[in-house]
């Protein structure tokens, strides 16, 4: 197995079988006009990219939209990919991060416009939805929501979603040991707060 194939497997892109092209080869062929080869990248990365996007947009449907837009950007910018500057997963997750942030910006603008036209009904409806959501949230969900951002994201992706530590590290461009530290601290906080709730 080549060095790149080994790295891709470690990053959770999926095992590369005999004769299967690497990410760099896929991007070279995509840049040369072979658009059908994009299916290889989709198969390897659509799930982790969607889960990564969900950490930013906090909605599964919106995350799928972000993932779709991310791969469209990959097609448009495939010629700009330089494996000497960044590994493909890092480049891909960087695109997903930017797309998700743009999505959130557009959503905030839509909400602002909506509130200007429907200020009173919107405030009342929002208050009711927030109250209902708070009533249905479980103890663990509330604790997770209160965790520091990186602890929550690493815990959700690794423990709840089951992504490999190396994949999460690649998404946020941090070391695997840092991911493990965030997960360990999140576990400790959750256990501690659950214990306190049980004693109350």
Protein backbone atom coordinates (compact mmCIF):
# COMPACT_ATOMS: atom_id res chain seq x y z
CA UNK A 1 0.00 0.00 0.00
CA UNK A 2 1.36 3.43 -0.97
CA UNK A 3 2.10 6.18 1.54
CA UNK A 4 -0.91 8.20 0.35
CA UNK A 5 -3.18 5.14 0.49
CA UNK A 6 -2.07 4.48 4.07
CA UNK A 7 -2.73 8.11 5.01
CA UNK A 8 -6.18 8.07 3.39
CA UNK A 9 -7.13 4.93 5.29
CA UNK A 10 -5.98 6.53 8.56
CA UNK A 11 -8.08 9.59 7.80
CA UNK A 12 -11.20 7.46 7.50
CA UNK A 13 -11.64 7.92 3.77
CA UNK A 14 -12.20 4.20 3.38
CA UNK A 15 -9.79 1.40 2.55
CA UNK A 16 -8.34 1.61 -0.95
CA UNK A 17 -8.45 -1.72 -2.71
CA UNK A 18 -6.12 -3.04 -5.40
CA UNK A 19 -6.23 -0.87 -8.48
CA UNK A 20 -8.33 1.84 -6.82
CA UNK A 21 -7.23 5.41 -7.44
CA UNK A 22 -5.94 7.69 -4.70
CA UNK A 23 -7.45 11.07 -3.85
CA UNK A 24 -4.65 12.88 -5.69
CA UNK A 25 -5.20 10.77 -8.80
CA UNK A 26 -8.93 11.47 -8.63
CA UNK A 27 -8.28 15.20 -8.48
CA UNK A 28 -5.85 15.05 -11.40
CA UNK A 29 -8.41 13.23 -13.54
CA UNK A 30 -11.17 15.59 -12.42
CA UNK A 31 -9.05 18.60 -13.42
CA UNK A 32 -8.48 16.91 -16.79
CA UNK A 33 -12.23 16.79 -17.39
CA UNK A 34 -13.20 13.33 -16.11
CA UNK A 35 -16.24 14.43 -14.09
CA UNK A 36 -17.47 10.87 -13.54
CA UNK A 37 -14.47 10.21 -11.27
CA UNK A 38 -16.07 12.55 -8.68
CA UNK A 39 -18.16 9.56 -7.60
CA UNK A 40 -15.05 8.06 -6.00
CA UNK A 41 -14.59 11.11 -3.78
CA UNK A 42 -18.29 11.19 -2.96
CA UNK A 43 -18.23 7.57 -1.84
CA UNK A 44 -15.24 8.19 0.40
CA UNK A 45 -16.16 11.53 1.91
CA UNK A 46 -19.87 12.37 1.68
CA UNK A 47 -20.69 11.03 5.17
CA UNK A 48 -17.82 12.70 7.10
CA UNK A 49 -18.33 15.98 5.21
CA UNK A 50 -22.04 15.95 6.06
CA UNK A 51 -21.34 15.24 9.73
CA UNK A 52 -18.68 17.95 9.77
CA UNK A 53 -21.08 20.46 8.24
CA UNK A 54 -23.73 19.58 10.81
CA UNK A 55 -21.38 20.80 13.55
CA UNK A 56 -21.70 24.29 12.08
CA UNK A 57 -25.29 24.46 10.81
CA UNK A 58 -26.84 22.27 13.55
CA UNK A 59 -29.43 20.81 11.18
CA UNK A 60 -29.22 17.57 9.19
CA UNK A 61 -31.06 18.85 6.10
CA UNK A 62 -28.96 22.01 6.00
CA UNK A 63 -25.82 19.91 6.47
CA UNK A 64 -26.72 17.83 3.43
CA UNK A 65 -27.17 21.04 1.42
CA UNK A 66 -23.75 22.23 2.60
CA UNK A 67 -22.18 18.89 1.63
CA UNK A 68 -23.74 19.07 -1.83
CA UNK A 69 -22.45 22.60 -2.34
CA UNK A 70 -19.02 21.56 -1.04
CA UNK A 71 -18.62 18.90 -3.72
CA UNK A 72 -19.81 21.33 -6.39
CA UNK A 73 -17.01 23.66 -5.25
CA UNK A 74 -14.57 20.74 -5.44
CA UNK A 75 -15.57 20.24 -9.08
CA UNK A 76 -15.18 23.93 -9.90
CA UNK A 77 -11.88 24.37 -8.06
CA UNK A 78 -10.28 20.99 -8.74
CA UNK A 79 -7.54 22.65 -10.76
CA UNK A 80 -6.54 24.71 -7.73
CA UNK A 81 -5.86 21.66 -5.56
CA UNK A 82 -2.14 21.31 -4.83
CA UNK A 83 -1.15 18.15 -2.90
CA UNK A 84 2.18 19.77 -2.06
CA UNK A 85 0.38 22.45 -0.03
CA UNK A 86 -2.27 20.35 1.74
CA UNK A 87 -3.53 16.79 1.93
CA UNK A 88 -6.82 16.35 0.11
CA UNK A 89 -8.96 15.80 3.27
CA UNK A 90 -7.67 19.05 4.80
CA UNK A 91 -8.39 20.92 1.56
CA UNK A 92 -11.87 19.37 1.34
CA UNK A 93 -12.85 20.12 4.96
CA UNK A 94 -11.57 23.66 4.55
CA UNK A 95 -14.02 24.13 1.67
CA UNK A 96 -16.84 22.58 3.73
CA UNK A 97 -16.07 24.92 6.63
CA UNK A 98 -16.27 28.00 4.40
CA UNK A 99 -19.48 26.82 2.73
CA UNK A 100 -21.10 26.13 6.12
CA UNK A 101 -20.16 29.58 7.42
CA UNK A 102 -21.63 31.22 4.31
CA UNK A 103 -24.77 29.15 4.80
CA UNK A 104 -25.10 30.39 8.39
CA UNK A 105 -24.56 33.99 7.29
CA UNK A 106 -27.32 33.70 4.67
CA UNK A 107 -29.64 32.08 7.21
CA UNK A 108 -29.07 34.85 9.75
CA UNK A 109 -29.83 37.47 7.09
CA UNK A 110 -33.08 35.68 6.14
CA UNK A 111 -34.12 35.55 9.79
CA UNK A 112 -33.39 39.24 10.24
CA UNK A 113 -35.52 40.11 7.21
CA UNK A 114 -38.31 37.84 8.42
CA UNK A 115 -38.31 39.44 11.86
CA UNK A 116 -38.53 42.93 10.34
CA UNK A 117 -41.75 41.99 8.53
CA UNK A 118 -43.24 39.76 11.21
CA UNK A 119 -41.65 41.01 14.40
CA UNK A 120 -44.47 40.42 16.90
CA UNK A 121 -45.71 37.00 15.65
CA UNK A 122 -42.16 35.82 15.09
CA UNK A 123 -41.06 36.67 18.64
CA UNK A 124 -44.07 34.86 20.11
CA UNK A 125 -43.60 31.83 17.89
CA UNK A 126 -39.88 31.72 18.64
CA UNK A 127 -40.53 31.87 22.38
CA UNK A 128 -42.99 28.98 22.15
CA UNK A 129 -40.58 26.86 20.11
CA UNK A 130 -37.71 27.56 22.52
CA UNK A 131 -39.90 26.65 25.51
CA UNK A 132 -41.01 23.40 23.87
CA UNK A 133 -37.46 22.52 22.90
CA UNK A 134 -36.20 23.09 26.43
CA UNK A 135 -38.93 20.87 27.84
CA UNK A 136 -38.02 17.96 25.57
CA UNK A 137 -34.24 18.15 25.86
CA UNK A 138 -32.71 15.36 27.91
CA UNK A 139 -30.09 15.84 30.58
CA UNK A 140 -27.21 14.73 28.37
CA UNK A 141 -28.31 16.97 25.50
CA UNK A 142 -28.36 19.98 27.82
CA UNK A 143 -24.92 19.17 29.16
CA UNK A 144 -23.53 18.70 25.65
CA UNK A 145 -24.92 22.05 24.58
CA UNK A 146 -23.11 23.75 27.45
CA UNK A 147 -19.71 22.23 26.70
CA UNK A 148 -16.97 24.42 25.20
CA UNK A 149 -17.36 24.38 21.42
CA UNK A 150 -14.38 22.19 20.50
CA UNK A 151 -15.13 19.71 23.27
CA UNK A 152 -18.71 19.37 22.07
CA UNK A 153 -17.74 19.04 18.41
CA UNK A 154 -15.02 16.45 19.04
CA UNK A 155 -17.25 14.47 21.41
CA UNK A 156 -20.21 14.47 19.02
CA UNK A 157 -18.18 13.50 15.95
CA UNK A 158 -16.04 10.84 17.64
CA UNK A 159 -18.29 9.36 20.35
CA UNK A 160 -21.82 10.03 19.08
CA UNK A 161 -21.21 9.83 15.31
CA UNK A 162 -18.42 7.27 15.45
CA UNK A 163 -15.84 9.04 13.29
CA UNK A 164 -12.21 8.09 13.77
CA UNK A 165 -10.02 10.42 15.83
CA UNK A 166 -7.81 10.98 12.78
CA UNK A 167 -10.79 12.13 10.72
CA UNK A 168 -11.88 14.65 13.36
CA UNK A 169 -8.31 15.91 13.67
CA UNK A 170 -8.16 16.41 9.90
CA UNK A 171 -11.47 18.31 9.91
CA UNK A 172 -10.26 20.90 12.41
CA UNK A 173 -6.56 20.80 11.50
CA UNK A 174 -5.54 19.84 15.03
CA UNK A 175 -3.52 16.91 16.35
CA UNK A 176 -5.09 13.57 17.23
CA UNK A 177 -3.90 13.99 20.82
CA UNK A 178 -5.79 17.30 21.01
CA UNK A 179 -8.98 15.57 19.83
CA UNK A 180 -8.53 12.89 22.50
CA UNK A 181 -8.02 15.57 25.17
CA UNK A 182 -11.25 17.32 24.14
CA UNK A 183 -13.15 14.02 24.22
CA UNK A 184 -11.67 13.07 27.60
CA UNK A 185 -12.59 16.44 29.13
CA UNK A 186 -16.10 16.28 27.67
CA UNK A 187 -16.62 12.79 29.14
CA UNK A 188 -15.41 13.99 32.55
CA UNK A 189 -17.78 16.98 32.53
CA UNK A 190 -20.75 14.87 31.40
CA UNK A 191 -20.14 12.20 34.03
CA UNK A 192 -19.64 14.80 36.74
CA UNK A 193 -22.79 16.71 35.93
CA UNK A 194 -24.89 13.58 35.54
CA UNK A 195 -23.67 12.47 38.96
CA UNK A 196 -24.60 15.82 40.45
CA UNK A 197 -28.08 15.65 38.89
CA UNK A 198 -28.58 12.16 40.27
CA UNK A 199 -27.71 13.32 43.78
CA UNK A 200 -30.03 16.36 43.62
